[in-house]
Amino acid sequence: MAGGAQPGGGFVSGSASSNAAAVARALDRAAARSLPAVETAMRHSAKALTYRVQRNASGRPGPRVITGRYRASWRSEVFRDGQTVVGVVGTGEPQARRLEFGFVGVDSLGRRYNQPPFPHVGPAVEAVGPVLVREFGDALRRSL
C-alpha cells in the first residue's frame, strides 16, 4: 500500500516518534513563553472577581453592608505551581457561606436562624468567568 497506509485506515510513519518529540518540545517552549501572559491575565481576572464580589456584597440582592468588614475581607491571590497558574479568591469570614447560601436551623452556639440566601459570589463568578476565558485566549495568542 502506498504511503504507509494500512488496511484499517491507519497511517504508519517511521519518523512519527521523532516528530512527536519535536512537537512536544515546541509545545513546552510555547508554554514557557505564554506563562507570564497567562499569569497576568489570572491576576487581572482574580482582582476583577474580588471587586465584583465586593460590589455584590454591598446591598440587595446581595447582603447588606453593616460594618463593611465582611465586604473588605475579600482577597485574591495568584501563584504558580510549576507550569500551572492558580488564582484564589476568598474570605476568611465565617458568615460567607451563610450569606451566599442561606441557613435554616440551629448553629453550633445554639442560635436559631431562618436566613435566606443573598447570592453575591455565584453571580460574580458568572459575570467574570467569560472575561477570564477571553483574557486567557488573548494572552495565549499574543505569546505564540
N, C-alpha and C. Protein backbone atom coordinates (compact mmCIF):
# COMPACT_ATOMS: atom_id res chain seq x y z
N MET A 1 0.85 -1.17 0.00
CA MET A 1 0.00 0.00 0.00
C MET A 1 0.89 1.23 0.00
N ALA A 2 0.56 2.17 -0.81
CA ALA A 2 1.39 3.36 -1.00
C ALA A 2 1.30 4.28 0.20
N GLY A 3 2.44 4.95 0.52
CA GLY A 3 2.44 5.99 1.54
C GLY A 3 2.30 5.47 2.95
N GLY A 4 2.43 4.20 3.17
CA GLY A 4 2.37 3.68 4.53
C GLY A 4 0.96 3.46 5.03
N ALA A 5 -0.04 3.54 4.14
CA ALA A 5 -1.42 3.33 4.58
C ALA A 5 -1.62 1.88 4.97
N GLN A 6 -2.38 1.64 5.97
CA GLN A 6 -2.67 0.31 6.48
C GLN A 6 -4.11 -0.06 6.12
N PRO A 7 -4.41 -1.35 6.03
CA PRO A 7 -5.76 -1.78 5.66
C PRO A 7 -6.84 -1.22 6.58
N GLY A 8 -6.57 -0.99 7.88
CA GLY A 8 -7.59 -0.48 8.79
C GLY A 8 -7.79 1.02 8.69
N GLY A 9 -7.13 1.67 7.77
CA GLY A 9 -7.30 3.11 7.60
C GLY A 9 -6.26 3.91 8.34
N GLY A 10 -5.39 3.26 9.13
CA GLY A 10 -4.36 3.98 9.87
C GLY A 10 -3.20 4.36 8.98
N PHE A 11 -2.27 5.10 9.49
CA PHE A 11 -1.10 5.54 8.75
C PHE A 11 0.12 5.29 9.61
N VAL A 12 1.12 4.69 9.06
CA VAL A 12 2.33 4.38 9.80
C VAL A 12 3.47 5.16 9.19
N SER A 13 4.24 5.81 10.03
CA SER A 13 5.41 6.54 9.55
C SER A 13 6.58 6.21 10.44
N GLY A 14 7.72 5.95 9.82
CA GLY A 14 8.90 5.63 10.60
C GLY A 14 9.41 6.81 11.40
N SER A 15 9.02 8.04 11.08
CA SER A 15 9.54 9.21 11.78
C SER A 15 8.52 9.80 12.76
N ALA A 16 7.46 9.08 13.04
CA ALA A 16 6.41 9.60 13.91
C ALA A 16 6.94 9.92 15.30
N SER A 17 7.80 9.05 15.85
CA SER A 17 8.28 9.30 17.20
C SER A 17 9.18 10.53 17.26
N SER A 18 10.01 10.76 16.26
CA SER A 18 10.87 11.95 16.28
C SER A 18 10.04 13.20 16.06
N ASN A 19 9.00 13.13 15.22
CA ASN A 19 8.12 14.28 15.03
C ASN A 19 7.33 14.58 16.29
N ALA A 20 6.87 13.54 16.98
CA ALA A 20 6.12 13.74 18.22
C ALA A 20 7.00 14.41 19.27
N ALA A 21 8.25 13.99 19.35
CA ALA A 21 9.17 14.60 20.31
C ALA A 21 9.41 16.06 19.97
N ALA A 22 9.54 16.37 18.68
CA ALA A 22 9.76 17.76 18.26
C ALA A 22 8.53 18.61 18.57
N VAL A 23 7.36 18.05 18.33
CA VAL A 23 6.12 18.78 18.64
C VAL A 23 6.02 19.02 20.15
N ALA A 24 6.36 18.01 20.94
CA ALA A 24 6.30 18.16 22.40
C ALA A 24 7.27 19.24 22.87
N ARG A 25 8.48 19.28 22.30
CA ARG A 25 9.45 20.32 22.67
C ARG A 25 8.93 21.71 22.28
N ALA A 26 8.34 21.81 21.10
CA ALA A 26 7.79 23.10 20.65
C ALA A 26 6.66 23.55 21.56
N LEU A 27 5.81 22.62 21.97
CA LEU A 27 4.71 22.97 22.89
C LEU A 27 5.24 23.40 24.25
N ASP A 28 6.28 22.74 24.74
CA ASP A 28 6.90 23.14 26.01
C ASP A 28 7.45 24.55 25.93
N ARG A 29 8.13 24.87 24.81
CA ARG A 29 8.67 26.23 24.64
C ARG A 29 7.55 27.26 24.57
N ALA A 30 6.47 26.93 23.86
CA ALA A 30 5.33 27.85 23.77
C ALA A 30 4.69 28.05 25.13
N ALA A 31 4.59 26.98 25.91
CA ALA A 31 4.01 27.09 27.26
C ALA A 31 4.87 27.99 28.14
N ALA A 32 6.18 27.84 28.05
CA ALA A 32 7.07 28.68 28.85
C ALA A 32 6.94 30.15 28.45
N ARG A 33 6.78 30.41 27.15
CA ARG A 33 6.62 31.80 26.69
C ARG A 33 5.28 32.38 27.14
N SER A 34 4.24 31.54 27.18
CA SER A 34 2.90 32.04 27.49
C SER A 34 2.64 32.16 28.98
N LEU A 35 3.43 31.52 29.81
CA LEU A 35 3.17 31.50 31.25
C LEU A 35 3.08 32.90 31.88
N PRO A 36 3.99 33.83 31.58
CA PRO A 36 3.85 35.17 32.16
C PRO A 36 2.56 35.87 31.71
N ALA A 37 2.18 35.70 30.45
CA ALA A 37 0.95 36.33 29.96
C ALA A 37 -0.28 35.73 30.63
N VAL A 38 -0.27 34.43 30.83
CA VAL A 38 -1.40 33.76 31.50
C VAL A 38 -1.46 34.20 32.96
N GLU A 39 -0.31 34.33 33.60
CA GLU A 39 -0.29 34.79 35.00
C GLU A 39 -0.84 36.20 35.11
N THR A 40 -0.48 37.07 34.18
CA THR A 40 -1.01 38.44 34.19
C THR A 40 -2.52 38.43 34.00
N ALA A 41 -3.01 37.61 33.08
CA ALA A 41 -4.45 37.51 32.86
C ALA A 41 -5.16 36.99 34.11
N MET A 42 -4.54 36.02 34.79
CA MET A 42 -5.13 35.47 36.01
C MET A 42 -5.17 36.53 37.10
N ARG A 43 -4.10 37.31 37.26
CA ARG A 43 -4.09 38.37 38.27
C ARG A 43 -5.20 39.38 38.01
N HIS A 44 -5.33 39.77 36.76
CA HIS A 44 -6.37 40.74 36.42
C HIS A 44 -7.76 40.17 36.69
N SER A 45 -7.98 38.94 36.29
CA SER A 45 -9.29 38.32 36.48
C SER A 45 -9.60 38.08 37.95
N ALA A 46 -8.60 37.69 38.74
CA ALA A 46 -8.83 37.48 40.17
C ALA A 46 -9.20 38.80 40.85
N LYS A 47 -8.52 39.87 40.47
CA LYS A 47 -8.87 41.18 41.04
C LYS A 47 -10.26 41.62 40.60
N ALA A 48 -10.59 41.35 39.33
CA ALA A 48 -11.92 41.71 38.83
C ALA A 48 -13.00 40.92 39.58
N LEU A 49 -12.74 39.64 39.85
CA LEU A 49 -13.70 38.83 40.59
C LEU A 49 -13.85 39.35 42.02
N THR A 50 -12.74 39.68 42.66
CA THR A 50 -12.78 40.21 44.02
C THR A 50 -13.61 41.49 44.05
N TYR A 51 -13.36 42.38 43.11
CA TYR A 51 -14.11 43.64 43.03
C TYR A 51 -15.61 43.38 42.84
N ARG A 52 -15.94 42.43 41.96
CA ARG A 52 -17.34 42.14 41.67
C ARG A 52 -18.04 41.54 42.89
N VAL A 53 -17.36 40.65 43.62
CA VAL A 53 -17.94 40.08 44.85
C VAL A 53 -18.18 41.19 45.85
N GLN A 54 -17.19 42.07 46.02
CA GLN A 54 -17.35 43.18 46.98
C GLN A 54 -18.51 44.08 46.57
N ARG A 55 -18.62 44.35 45.29
CA ARG A 55 -19.73 45.19 44.81
C ARG A 55 -21.06 44.51 45.06
N ASN A 56 -21.12 43.20 44.78
CA ASN A 56 -22.36 42.45 45.00
C ASN A 56 -22.70 42.34 46.48
N ALA A 57 -21.69 42.42 47.35
CA ALA A 57 -21.92 42.33 48.80
C ALA A 57 -22.16 43.71 49.40
N SER A 58 -22.65 44.62 48.59
CA SER A 58 -22.89 45.99 49.04
C SER A 58 -24.36 46.33 49.12
N GLY A 59 -25.22 45.34 49.16
CA GLY A 59 -26.65 45.57 49.25
C GLY A 59 -27.41 44.62 48.35
N ARG A 60 -28.71 44.69 48.41
CA ARG A 60 -29.57 43.75 47.70
C ARG A 60 -29.35 43.80 46.21
N PRO A 61 -29.38 42.61 45.56
CA PRO A 61 -29.86 41.34 46.07
C PRO A 61 -28.84 40.60 46.94
N GLY A 62 -27.61 41.10 47.05
CA GLY A 62 -26.61 40.50 47.93
C GLY A 62 -26.85 40.95 49.36
N PRO A 63 -25.92 40.62 50.24
CA PRO A 63 -26.08 41.03 51.65
C PRO A 63 -25.91 42.54 51.82
N ARG A 64 -26.61 43.06 52.81
CA ARG A 64 -26.47 44.49 53.13
C ARG A 64 -25.18 44.72 53.90
N VAL A 65 -24.65 45.91 53.76
CA VAL A 65 -23.44 46.28 54.49
C VAL A 65 -23.84 46.79 55.86
N ILE A 66 -23.23 46.24 56.89
CA ILE A 66 -23.47 46.72 58.25
C ILE A 66 -22.24 47.49 58.72
N THR A 67 -21.10 46.81 58.77
CA THR A 67 -19.86 47.50 59.18
C THR A 67 -18.89 47.67 58.01
N GLY A 68 -19.05 46.89 56.94
CA GLY A 68 -18.11 46.91 55.82
C GLY A 68 -16.96 45.93 55.99
N ARG A 69 -16.86 45.31 57.16
CA ARG A 69 -15.76 44.38 57.43
C ARG A 69 -15.82 43.16 56.51
N TYR A 70 -17.00 42.59 56.36
CA TYR A 70 -17.15 41.40 55.52
C TYR A 70 -16.76 41.74 54.08
N ARG A 71 -17.31 42.79 53.55
CA ARG A 71 -17.03 43.18 52.17
C ARG A 71 -15.53 43.42 51.96
N ALA A 72 -14.90 44.08 52.91
CA ALA A 72 -13.46 44.39 52.79
C ALA A 72 -12.57 43.16 52.98
N SER A 73 -13.13 42.08 53.50
CA SER A 73 -12.32 40.90 53.80
C SER A 73 -11.98 40.07 52.55
N TRP A 74 -12.63 40.32 51.44
CA TRP A 74 -12.40 39.53 50.23
C TRP A 74 -11.03 39.86 49.64
N ARG A 75 -10.28 38.82 49.31
CA ARG A 75 -8.91 38.97 48.79
C ARG A 75 -8.70 38.03 47.60
N SER A 76 -7.71 38.36 46.80
CA SER A 76 -7.30 37.46 45.72
C SER A 76 -5.80 37.21 45.83
N GLU A 77 -5.42 36.02 45.41
CA GLU A 77 -4.01 35.63 45.42
C GLU A 77 -3.77 34.78 44.17
N VAL A 78 -2.66 35.03 43.51
CA VAL A 78 -2.29 34.27 42.32
C VAL A 78 -0.88 33.76 42.53
N PHE A 79 -0.67 32.49 42.22
CA PHE A 79 0.68 31.93 42.34
C PHE A 79 0.87 30.85 41.28
N ARG A 80 2.13 30.52 41.06
CA ARG A 80 2.49 29.46 40.11
C ARG A 80 2.85 28.20 40.88
N ASP A 81 2.44 27.10 40.31
CA ASP A 81 2.84 25.78 40.81
C ASP A 81 3.40 25.05 39.59
N GLY A 82 4.69 25.17 39.39
CA GLY A 82 5.31 24.64 38.18
C GLY A 82 4.84 25.44 36.99
N GLN A 83 4.22 24.77 36.03
CA GLN A 83 3.71 25.48 34.86
C GLN A 83 2.20 25.70 34.96
N THR A 84 1.69 25.65 36.17
CA THR A 84 0.27 25.89 36.41
C THR A 84 0.12 27.20 37.15
N VAL A 85 -0.80 28.03 36.68
CA VAL A 85 -1.11 29.29 37.35
C VAL A 85 -2.41 29.09 38.12
N VAL A 86 -2.39 29.42 39.40
CA VAL A 86 -3.55 29.21 40.26
C VAL A 86 -4.01 30.57 40.80
N GLY A 87 -5.29 30.83 40.70
CA GLY A 87 -5.88 32.03 41.27
C GLY A 87 -6.88 31.64 42.34
N VAL A 88 -6.80 32.30 43.49
CA VAL A 88 -7.72 32.02 44.60
C VAL A 88 -8.36 33.33 45.01
N VAL A 89 -9.68 33.32 45.10
CA VAL A 89 -10.43 34.47 45.59
C VAL A 89 -11.27 33.98 46.75
N GLY A 90 -11.20 34.68 47.88
CA GLY A 90 -11.98 34.23 49.01
C GLY A 90 -11.90 35.16 50.20
N THR A 91 -12.52 34.70 51.28
CA THR A 91 -12.55 35.43 52.53
C THR A 91 -12.41 34.43 53.67
N GLY A 92 -11.90 34.89 54.77
CA GLY A 92 -11.82 34.06 55.96
C GLY A 92 -12.97 34.30 56.92
N GLU A 93 -13.89 35.14 56.54
CA GLU A 93 -15.02 35.47 57.42
C GLU A 93 -15.99 34.30 57.49
N PRO A 94 -16.40 33.92 58.70
CA PRO A 94 -17.25 32.73 58.87
C PRO A 94 -18.66 32.87 58.30
N GLN A 95 -19.14 34.07 58.11
CA GLN A 95 -20.51 34.24 57.63
C GLN A 95 -20.64 34.14 56.11
N ALA A 96 -19.54 33.97 55.39
CA ALA A 96 -19.58 33.97 53.93
C ALA A 96 -20.52 32.91 53.37
N ARG A 97 -20.36 31.70 53.81
CA ARG A 97 -21.18 30.60 53.29
C ARG A 97 -22.65 30.82 53.63
N ARG A 98 -22.91 31.27 54.83
CA ARG A 98 -24.28 31.51 55.27
C ARG A 98 -24.94 32.63 54.46
N LEU A 99 -24.18 33.67 54.18
CA LEU A 99 -24.72 34.77 53.39
C LEU A 99 -25.01 34.34 51.95
N GLU A 100 -24.10 33.57 51.37
CA GLU A 100 -24.27 33.14 49.98
C GLU A 100 -25.41 32.15 49.81
N PHE A 101 -25.51 31.16 50.70
CA PHE A 101 -26.46 30.07 50.52
C PHE A 101 -27.64 30.08 51.48
N GLY A 102 -27.61 30.96 52.48
CA GLY A 102 -28.67 30.97 53.48
C GLY A 102 -28.44 29.89 54.52
N PHE A 103 -29.24 29.94 55.59
CA PHE A 103 -29.10 28.93 56.64
C PHE A 103 -30.40 28.87 57.43
N VAL A 104 -30.91 27.67 57.59
CA VAL A 104 -32.10 27.44 58.40
C VAL A 104 -31.73 26.36 59.42
N GLY A 105 -31.86 26.69 60.69
CA GLY A 105 -31.55 25.72 61.73
C GLY A 105 -30.87 26.38 62.90
N VAL A 106 -30.27 25.53 63.73
CA VAL A 106 -29.59 25.98 64.94
C VAL A 106 -28.09 25.86 64.70
N ASP A 107 -27.35 26.92 64.99
CA ASP A 107 -25.90 26.87 64.79
C ASP A 107 -25.21 26.23 65.99
N SER A 108 -23.90 26.16 65.94
CA SER A 108 -23.13 25.48 66.98
C SER A 108 -23.22 26.19 68.33
N LEU A 109 -23.65 27.45 68.35
CA LEU A 109 -23.80 28.20 69.60
C LEU A 109 -25.23 28.15 70.13
N GLY A 110 -26.10 27.39 69.43
CA GLY A 110 -27.48 27.26 69.88
C GLY A 110 -28.41 28.35 69.38
N ARG A 111 -27.93 29.20 68.49
CA ARG A 111 -28.78 30.27 67.94
C ARG A 111 -29.60 29.72 66.78
N ARG A 112 -30.87 30.11 66.75
CA ARG A 112 -31.79 29.63 65.71
C ARG A 112 -31.83 30.67 64.58
N TYR A 113 -31.69 30.16 63.33
CA TYR A 113 -31.69 31.03 62.16
C TYR A 113 -32.71 30.58 61.13
N ASN A 114 -33.23 31.53 60.41
CA ASN A 114 -34.02 31.30 59.20
C ASN A 114 -33.58 32.38 58.21
N GLN A 115 -32.34 32.27 57.79
CA GLN A 115 -31.73 33.31 56.96
C GLN A 115 -31.80 32.93 55.49
N PRO A 116 -32.39 33.78 54.68
CA PRO A 116 -32.44 33.49 53.25
C PRO A 116 -31.06 33.70 52.62
N PRO A 117 -30.84 33.11 51.45
CA PRO A 117 -29.57 33.34 50.77
C PRO A 117 -29.51 34.74 50.16
N PHE A 118 -28.31 35.30 50.13
CA PHE A 118 -28.05 36.58 49.47
C PHE A 118 -26.87 36.36 48.52
N PRO A 119 -27.13 35.73 47.36
CA PRO A 119 -26.05 35.37 46.45
C PRO A 119 -25.25 36.60 46.01
N HIS A 120 -23.96 36.51 46.17
CA HIS A 120 -23.07 37.58 45.73
C HIS A 120 -21.80 37.02 45.09
N VAL A 121 -21.42 35.79 45.45
CA VAL A 121 -20.24 35.17 44.86
C VAL A 121 -20.59 34.51 43.53
N GLY A 122 -21.63 33.67 43.53
CA GLY A 122 -22.03 32.99 42.30
C GLY A 122 -22.29 33.94 41.14
N PRO A 123 -23.07 35.00 41.35
CA PRO A 123 -23.29 35.94 40.25
C PRO A 123 -21.99 36.63 39.78
N ALA A 124 -21.07 36.84 40.71
CA ALA A 124 -19.79 37.44 40.32
C ALA A 124 -18.99 36.49 39.44
N VAL A 125 -18.97 35.21 39.81
CA VAL A 125 -18.25 34.21 39.00
C VAL A 125 -18.87 34.11 37.61
N GLU A 126 -20.20 34.10 37.54
CA GLU A 126 -20.87 34.04 36.25
C GLU A 126 -20.53 35.24 35.37
N ALA A 127 -20.37 36.41 35.97
CA ALA A 127 -20.06 37.62 35.20
C ALA A 127 -18.60 37.66 34.77
N VAL A 128 -17.69 37.23 35.63
CA VAL A 128 -16.26 37.36 35.35
C VAL A 128 -15.72 36.15 34.57
N GLY A 129 -16.35 34.99 34.69
CA GLY A 129 -15.86 33.79 34.02
C GLY A 129 -15.59 33.96 32.53
N PRO A 130 -16.55 34.47 31.76
CA PRO A 130 -16.30 34.65 30.32
C PRO A 130 -15.16 35.64 30.04
N VAL A 131 -15.00 36.62 30.88
CA VAL A 131 -13.90 37.58 30.71
C VAL A 131 -12.56 36.87 30.92
N LEU A 132 -12.50 36.00 31.93
CA LEU A 132 -11.28 35.23 32.19
C LEU A 132 -10.92 34.36 30.99
N VAL A 133 -11.89 33.66 30.45
CA VAL A 133 -11.64 32.80 29.30
C VAL A 133 -11.13 33.63 28.12
N ARG A 134 -11.75 34.77 27.86
CA ARG A 134 -11.33 35.63 26.76
C ARG A 134 -9.91 36.15 26.99
N GLU A 135 -9.60 36.59 28.23
CA GLU A 135 -8.26 37.10 28.53
C GLU A 135 -7.20 36.01 28.39
N PHE A 136 -7.52 34.78 28.79
CA PHE A 136 -6.56 33.68 28.60
C PHE A 136 -6.30 33.45 27.13
N GLY A 137 -7.37 33.42 26.34
CA GLY A 137 -7.21 33.24 24.90
C GLY A 137 -6.37 34.32 24.28
N ASP A 138 -6.63 35.58 24.65
CA ASP A 138 -5.85 36.71 24.14
C ASP A 138 -4.38 36.59 24.55
N ALA A 139 -4.15 36.22 25.80
CA ALA A 139 -2.77 36.09 26.30
C ALA A 139 -2.03 35.00 25.53
N LEU A 140 -2.69 33.89 25.29
CA LEU A 140 -2.04 32.81 24.54
C LEU A 140 -1.76 33.21 23.11
N ARG A 141 -2.71 33.88 22.46
CA ARG A 141 -2.49 34.32 21.07
C ARG A 141 -1.32 35.31 20.99
N ARG A 142 -1.23 36.21 21.95
CA ARG A 142 -0.13 37.20 21.93
C ARG A 142 1.24 36.54 22.15
N SER A 143 1.27 35.50 22.96
CA SER A 143 2.57 34.89 23.30
C SER A 143 3.02 33.85 22.29
N LEU A 144 2.11 33.36 21.46
CA LEU A 144 2.50 32.33 20.48
C LEU A 144 2.79 32.94 19.17
